[in-house]
C-alpha atoms as a PDB file:
ATOM      1  CA  UNK A   1      22.489  10.528 -25.606  1.00  0.00           C
ATOM      2  CA  UNK A   2      21.049  13.048 -23.140  1.00  0.00           C
ATOM      3  CA  UNK A   3      18.008  12.048 -21.172  1.00  0.00           C
ATOM      4  CA  UNK A   4      14.787  13.858 -22.190  1.00  0.00           C
ATOM      5  CA  UNK A   5      13.564  16.465 -19.748  1.00  0.00           C
ATOM      6  CA  UNK A   6      10.612  15.338 -17.658  1.00  0.00           C
ATOM      7  CA  UNK A   7       7.587  17.648 -17.562  1.00  0.00           C
ATOM      8  CA  UNK A   8       4.627  16.749 -15.333  1.00  0.00           C
ATOM      9  CA  UNK A   9       1.387  18.259 -16.597  1.00  0.00           C
ATOM     10  CA  UNK A  10      -0.567  18.096 -13.361  1.00  0.00           C
ATOM     11  CA  UNK A  11      -1.750  20.825 -11.031  1.00  0.00           C
ATOM     12  CA  UNK A  12       0.870  21.949  -8.539  1.00  0.00           C
ATOM     13  CA  UNK A  13       0.045  20.904  -4.953  1.00  0.00           C
ATOM     14  CA  UNK A  14      -3.037  22.641  -3.636  1.00  0.00           C
ATOM     15  CA  UNK A  15      -2.612  24.750  -0.465  1.00  0.00           C
ATOM     16  CA  UNK A  16      -2.387  22.339   2.453  1.00  0.00           C
ATOM     17  CA  UNK A  17      -2.048  19.223   0.270  1.00  0.00           C
ATOM     18  CA  UNK A  18       0.350  16.608   1.579  1.00  0.00           C
ATOM     19  CA  UNK A  19       3.324  15.746  -0.610  1.00  0.00           C
ATOM     20  CA  UNK A  20       2.317  12.071  -0.709  1.00  0.00           C
ATOM     21  CA  UNK A  21      -1.139  13.116  -1.939  1.00  0.00           C
ATOM     22  CA  UNK A  22       0.393  15.192  -4.731  1.00  0.00           C
ATOM     23  CA  UNK A  23       2.800  12.419  -5.759  1.00  0.00           C
ATOM     24  CA  UNK A  24       0.031   9.787  -5.698  1.00  0.00           C
ATOM     25  CA  UNK A  25      -2.214  12.043  -7.776  1.00  0.00           C
ATOM     26  CA  UNK A  26       0.536  12.756 -10.306  1.00  0.00           C
ATOM     27  CA  UNK A  27       1.536   9.091 -10.591  1.00  0.00           C
ATOM     28  CA  UNK A  28      -2.047   7.964 -11.140  1.00  0.00           C
ATOM     29  CA  UNK A  29      -2.567  10.680 -13.765  1.00  0.00           C
ATOM     30  CA  UNK A  30       0.305   9.089 -15.705  1.00  0.00           C
ATOM     31  CA  UNK A  31      -0.934   5.533 -14.967  1.00  0.00           C
ATOM     32  CA  UNK A  32       2.215   4.529 -13.139  1.00  0.00           C
ATOM     33  CA  UNK A  33       3.019   3.389  -9.609  1.00  0.00           C
ATOM     34  CA  UNK A  34       4.193   6.204  -7.329  1.00  0.00           C
ATOM     35  CA  UNK A  35       7.604   4.555  -6.719  1.00  0.00           C
ATOM     36  CA  UNK A  36       8.147   4.515 -10.520  1.00  0.00           C
ATOM     37  CA  UNK A  37       7.354   8.242 -10.687  1.00  0.00           C
ATOM     38  CA  UNK A  38       9.773   8.918  -7.852  1.00  0.00           C
ATOM     39  CA  UNK A  39      12.493   6.966  -9.664  1.00  0.00           C
ATOM     40  CA  UNK A  40      11.771   8.944 -12.829  1.00  0.00           C
ATOM     41  CA  UNK A  41      11.974  12.213 -10.884  1.00  0.00           C
ATOM     42  CA  UNK A  42      15.371  11.179  -9.577  1.00  0.00           C
ATOM     43  CA  UNK A  43      16.428  10.402 -13.159  1.00  0.00           C
ATOM     44  CA  UNK A  44      16.700   6.664 -12.606  1.00  0.00           C
ATOM     45  CA  UNK A  45      19.149   6.714  -9.738  1.00  0.00           C
ATOM     46  CA  UNK A  46      18.481   4.940  -6.460  1.00  0.00           C
ATOM     47  CA  UNK A  47      17.309   6.868  -3.443  1.00  0.00           C
ATOM     48  CA  UNK A  48      19.819   7.575  -0.708  1.00  0.00           C
ATOM     49  CA  UNK A  49      18.808   6.946   2.910  1.00  0.00           C
ATOM     50  CA  UNK A  50      18.231  10.691   3.459  1.00  0.00           C
ATOM     51  CA  UNK A  51      15.879  10.796   0.451  1.00  0.00           C
ATOM     52  CA  UNK A  52      13.783   7.922   1.793  1.00  0.00           C
ATOM     53  CA  UNK A  53      12.581   9.895   4.776  1.00  0.00           C
ATOM     54  CA  UNK A  54       8.996  11.019   5.284  1.00  0.00           C
ATOM     55  CA  UNK A  55       7.745  12.604   2.051  1.00  0.00           C
ATOM     56  CA  UNK A  56       5.085  14.631   3.859  1.00  0.00           C
ATOM     57  CA  UNK A  57       6.926  15.971   6.882  1.00  0.00           C
ATOM     58  CA  UNK A  58      10.512  16.089   5.607  1.00  0.00           C
ATOM     59  CA  UNK A  59      10.660  15.845   1.819  1.00  0.00           C
ATOM     60  CA  UNK A  60      14.098  15.468   0.323  1.00  0.00           C
ATOM     61  CA  UNK A  61      15.674  18.694  -1.002  1.00  0.00           C
ATOM     62  CA  UNK A  62      16.634  16.736  -4.138  1.00  0.00           C
ATOM     63  CA  UNK A  63      12.990  15.742  -4.695  1.00  0.00           C
ATOM     64  CA  UNK A  64      11.785  19.307  -4.112  1.00  0.00           C
ATOM     65  CA  UNK A  65      14.361  20.608  -6.595  1.00  0.00           C
ATOM     66  CA  UNK A  66      13.332  18.067  -9.247  1.00  0.00           C
ATOM     67  CA  UNK A  67       9.657  18.883  -8.740  1.00  0.00           C
ATOM     68  CA  UNK A  68      10.374  22.592  -9.157  1.00  0.00           C
ATOM     69  CA  UNK A  69      12.041  21.718 -12.494  1.00  0.00           C
ATOM     70  CA  UNK A  70       9.309  19.375 -13.747  1.00  0.00           C
ATOM     71  CA  UNK A  71       5.986  20.840 -12.564  1.00  0.00           C
ATOM     72  CA  UNK A  72       4.788  24.050 -14.171  1.00  0.00           C
ATOM     73  CA  UNK A  73       3.904  26.725 -11.588  1.00  0.00           C
ATOM     74  CA  UNK A  74       5.395  24.554  -8.829  1.00  0.00           C
ATOM     75  CA  UNK A  75       4.349  25.655  -5.370  1.00  0.00           C
ATOM     76  CA  UNK A  76       5.604  23.343  -2.619  1.00  0.00           C
ATOM     77  CA  UNK A  77       2.993  22.447  -0.015  1.00  0.00           C
ATOM     78  CA  UNK A  78       4.052  25.048   2.557  1.00  0.00           C
ATOM     79  CA  UNK A  79       0.928  25.333   4.663  1.00  0.00           C
ATOM     80  CA  UNK A  80       1.837  23.516   7.858  1.00  0.00           C
ATOM     81  CA  UNK A  81      -0.528  21.258   9.742  1.00  0.00           C
ATOM     82  CA  UNK A  82      -2.555  23.008  12.417  1.00  0.00           C
ATOM     83  CA  UNK A  83      -2.677  20.147  14.873  1.00  0.00           C
ATOM     84  CA  UNK A  84      -0.535  18.288  17.344  1.00  0.00           C
ATOM     85  CA  UNK A  85       2.408  17.003  15.293  1.00  0.00           C
ATOM     86  CA  UNK A  86       4.563  15.167  17.846  1.00  0.00           C
ATOM     87  CA  UNK A  87       2.962  11.807  17.084  1.00  0.00           C
ATOM     88  CA  UNK A  88       2.312  11.160  13.442  1.00  0.00           C
ATOM     89  CA  UNK A  89       1.173   8.104  11.589  1.00  0.00           C
ATOM     90  CA  UNK A  90       3.663   6.230   9.472  1.00  0.00           C
ATOM     91  CA  UNK A  91       3.321   7.453   5.929  1.00  0.00           C
ATOM     92  CA  UNK A  92       1.844   4.216   4.598  1.00  0.00           C
ATOM     93  CA  UNK A  93      -1.041   4.465   7.135  1.00  0.00           C
ATOM     94  CA  UNK A  94      -2.141   8.015   6.267  1.00  0.00           C
ATOM     95  CA  UNK A  95      -5.570   7.366   4.815  1.00  0.00           C
ATOM     96  CA  UNK A  96      -7.732   9.706   6.894  1.00  0.00           C
ATOM     97  CA  UNK A  97      -9.942  12.061   4.923  1.00  0.00           C
ATOM     98  CA  UNK A  98     -12.942  14.339   5.328  1.00  0.00           C
ATOM     99  CA  UNK A  99     -15.685  13.478   2.835  1.00  0.00           C
ATOM    100  CA  UNK A 100     -17.071  17.012   3.105  1.00  0.00           C
ATOM    101  CA  UNK A 101     -13.698  18.481   2.072  1.00  0.00           C
ATOM    102  CA  UNK A 102     -13.606  16.070  -0.872  1.00  0.00           C
ATOM    103  CA  UNK A 103     -17.114  17.111  -1.986  1.00  0.00           C
ATOM    104  CA  UNK A 104     -16.061  20.774  -1.748  1.00  0.00           C
ATOM    105  CA  UNK A 105     -12.943  20.031  -3.826  1.00  0.00           C
ATOM    106  CA  UNK A 106     -15.062  18.367  -6.516  1.00  0.00           C
ATOM    107  CA  UNK A 107     -17.515  21.292  -6.506  1.00  0.00           C
ATOM    108  CA  UNK A 108     -14.570  23.688  -6.957  1.00  0.00           C
ATOM    109  CA  UNK A 109     -13.467  21.709 -10.038  1.00  0.00           C
ATOM    110  CA  UNK A 110     -10.288  20.238  -8.597  1.00  0.00           C
ATOM    111  CA  UNK A 111      -9.212  16.731  -7.734  1.00  0.00           C
ATOM    112  CA  UNK A 112      -9.828  16.085  -4.022  1.00  0.00           C
ATOM    113  CA  UNK A 113      -6.616  15.886  -2.033  1.00  0.00           C
ATOM    114  CA  UNK A 114      -5.321  14.688   1.325  1.00  0.00           C
ATOM    115  CA  UNK A 115      -4.417  17.480   3.742  1.00  0.00           C
ATOM    116  CA  UNK A 116      -1.343  17.887   5.904  1.00  0.00           C
ATOM    117  CA  UNK A 117      -3.758  18.562   8.769  1.00  0.00           C
ATOM    118  CA  UNK A 118      -4.891  14.924   8.669  1.00  0.00           C
ATOM    119  CA  UNK A 119      -1.398  13.470   9.272  1.00  0.00           C
ATOM    120  CA  UNK A 120      -1.151  13.543  13.107  1.00  0.00           C
ATOM    121  CA  UNK A 121      -2.179  10.337  14.863  1.00  0.00           C
ATOM    122  CA  UNK A 122      -4.311  12.174  17.426  1.00  0.00           C
ATOM    123  CA  UNK A 123      -6.305  14.194  14.886  1.00  0.00           C
ATOM    124  CA  UNK A 124      -9.617  12.452  14.364  1.00  0.00           C
ATOM    125  CA  UNK A 125     -11.743  15.352  13.123  1.00  0.00           C
ATOM    126  CA  UNK A 126     -11.545  17.798  10.250  1.00  0.00           C
ATOM    127  CA  UNK A 127     -10.321  21.199  11.424  1.00  0.00           C
ATOM    128  CA  UNK A 128     -12.542  22.955   8.895  1.00  0.00           C
ATOM    129  CA  UNK A 129     -15.821  21.060   9.348  1.00  0.00           C
ATOM    130  CA  UNK A 130     -15.558  19.607  12.848  1.00  0.00           C
ATOM    131  CA  UNK A 131     -16.641  16.259  11.433  1.00  0.00           C
ATOM    132  CA  UNK A 132     -14.967  12.885  11.980  1.00  0.00           C
ATOM    133  CA  UNK A 133     -12.258  11.749   9.598  1.00  0.00           C
ATOM    134  CA  UNK A 134     -12.832   8.456   7.809  1.00  0.00           C
ATOM    135  CA  UNK A 135     -10.433   5.937   6.273  1.00  0.00           C
ATOM    136  CA  UNK A 136     -10.019   6.283   2.511  1.00  0.00           C
ATOM    137  CA  UNK A 137     -10.531   2.788   1.126  1.00  0.00           C
ATOM    138  CA  UNK A 138      -8.797   3.120  -2.245  1.00  0.00           C
ATOM    139  CA  UNK A 139      -5.217   2.248  -1.287  1.00  0.00           C
ATOM    140  CA  UNK A 140      -2.523   0.408  -3.232  1.00  0.00           C
ATOM    141  CA  UNK A 141       0.415  -1.587  -1.935  1.00  0.00           C
ATOM    142  CA  UNK A 142       2.906   0.480   0.004  1.00  0.00           C
ATOM    143  CA  UNK A 143       0.086   2.666   1.317  1.00  0.00           C
ATOM    144  CA  UNK A 144      -0.219   4.853  -1.809  1.00  0.00           C
ATOM    145  CA  UNK A 145      -3.743   6.226  -2.190  1.00  0.00           C
ATOM    146  CA  UNK A 146      -5.586   6.439  -5.490  1.00  0.00           C
ATOM    147  CA  UNK A 147      -8.670   8.214  -6.790  1.00  0.00           C
ATOM    148  CA  UNK A 148     -11.553   7.364  -9.088  1.00  0.00           C
ATOM    149  CA  UNK A 149     -10.141   7.862 -12.582  1.00  0.00           C
ATOM    150  CA  UNK A 150     -12.877  10.358 -13.502  1.00  0.00           C
ATOM    151  CA  UNK A 151     -11.602  12.708 -10.781  1.00  0.00           C
ATOM    152  CA  UNK A 152      -8.263  13.035 -12.593  1.00  0.00           C
ATOM    153  CA  UNK A 153      -9.734  13.673 -16.032  1.00  0.00           C
ATOM    154  CA  UNK A 154     -10.892  17.284 -16.029  1.00  0.00           C
ATOM    155  CA  UNK A 155     -12.084  17.037 -19.643  1.00  0.00           C
ATOM    156  CA  UNK A 156     -14.764  14.450 -18.860  1.00  0.00           C
ATOM    157  CA  UNK A 157     -16.208  16.354 -15.958  1.00  0.00           C
ATOM    158  CA  UNK A 158     -17.681  13.179 -14.426  1.00  0.00           C
ATOM    159  CA  UNK A 159     -17.455  13.291 -10.652  1.00  0.00           C
ATOM    160  CA  UNK A 160     -18.787   9.946  -9.474  1.00  0.00           C
ATOM    161  CA  UNK A 161     -18.465   9.350  -5.752  1.00  0.00           C
ATOM    162  CA  UNK A 162     -17.282   5.893  -4.603  1.00  0.00           C
ATOM    163  CA  UNK A 163     -19.845   3.872  -2.643  1.00  0.00           C
ATOM    164  CA  UNK A 164     -17.767   3.935   0.562  1.00  0.00           C
ATOM    165  CA  UNK A 165     -17.520   7.736   0.379  1.00  0.00           C
ATOM    166  CA  UNK A 166     -21.296   7.992  -0.046  1.00  0.00           C
ATOM    167  CA  UNK A 167     -21.678   5.804   3.077  1.00  0.00           C
ATOM    168  CA  UNK A 168     -19.385   8.198   4.954  1.00  0.00           C
ATOM    169  CA  UNK A 169     -21.416  11.206   3.776  1.00  0.00           C
ATOM    170  CA  UNK A 170     -24.623   9.439   4.856  1.00  0.00           C
ATOM    171  CA  UNK A 171     -23.119   8.792   8.299  1.00  0.00           C
ATOM    172  CA  UNK A 172     -22.205  12.467   8.609  1.00  0.00           C
ATOM    173  CA  UNK A 173     -25.797  13.341   7.713  1.00  0.00           C
ATOM    174  CA  UNK A 174     -27.072  11.006  10.436  1.00  0.00           C
ATOM    175  CA  UNK A 175     -24.683  12.570  12.943  1.00  0.00           C
ATOM    176  CA  UNK A 176     -25.839  16.050  12.013  1.00  0.00           C
ATOM    177  CA  UNK A 177     -22.256  17.322  12.112  1.00  0.00           C
ATOM    178  CA  UNK A 178     -21.945  21.070  12.547  1.00  0.00           C
ATOM    179  CA  UNK A 179     -20.747  23.257   9.676  1.00  0.00           C
ATOM    180  CA  UNK A 180     -18.178  24.922  11.921  1.00  0.00           C
ATOM    181  CA  UNK A 181     -15.880  23.117  14.378  1.00  0.00           C
ATOM    182  CA  UNK A 182     -16.923  23.279  17.993  1.00  0.00           C
ATOM    183  CA  UNK A 183     -14.141  24.653  20.183  1.00  0.00           C
ATOM    184  CA  UNK A 184     -14.473  24.406  23.938  1.00  0.00           C
ATOM    185  CA  UNK A 185     -12.675  27.371  25.477  1.00  0.00           C
ATOM    186  CA  UNK A 186     -13.825  26.634  29.029  1.00  0.00           C
END
């Protein structure tokens, strides 16, 4: 019997979204662990050593092909990081986020997402807002991030902010972070 065709009904990656963010978001939407989604995308077969490489910086061509077949309006995350990319954090430690970017995502009606620009180890501020990056505290085993469930359900419209994110926003308010990044050209 032929295997049924998989069709993921989630938004394609947003411009600048990391692949691990997209895969985590899609897996949580379907209430499954990200490794289970990856196995499903590869039609049950085991990953080869070349497919186990960094999902964000060097996604497998096989994975990209399967995603193009299973996600409607698939657009691979092509916007490259702006920062210094020679030293990057191991994928399971990529939890940096900008709470201001997440609030803007929610206001725009989309699920907040982790940016490729936040991957480098030496990047500690948001390129867009010039504010410090914080550690996202909702992380599962293996380093996979997850979101408040209401953020994934567009029908409900509820956009509750986790307590730790509110603390981070309060800290930014106390710091009086500028709206635009400060660039020293001197």
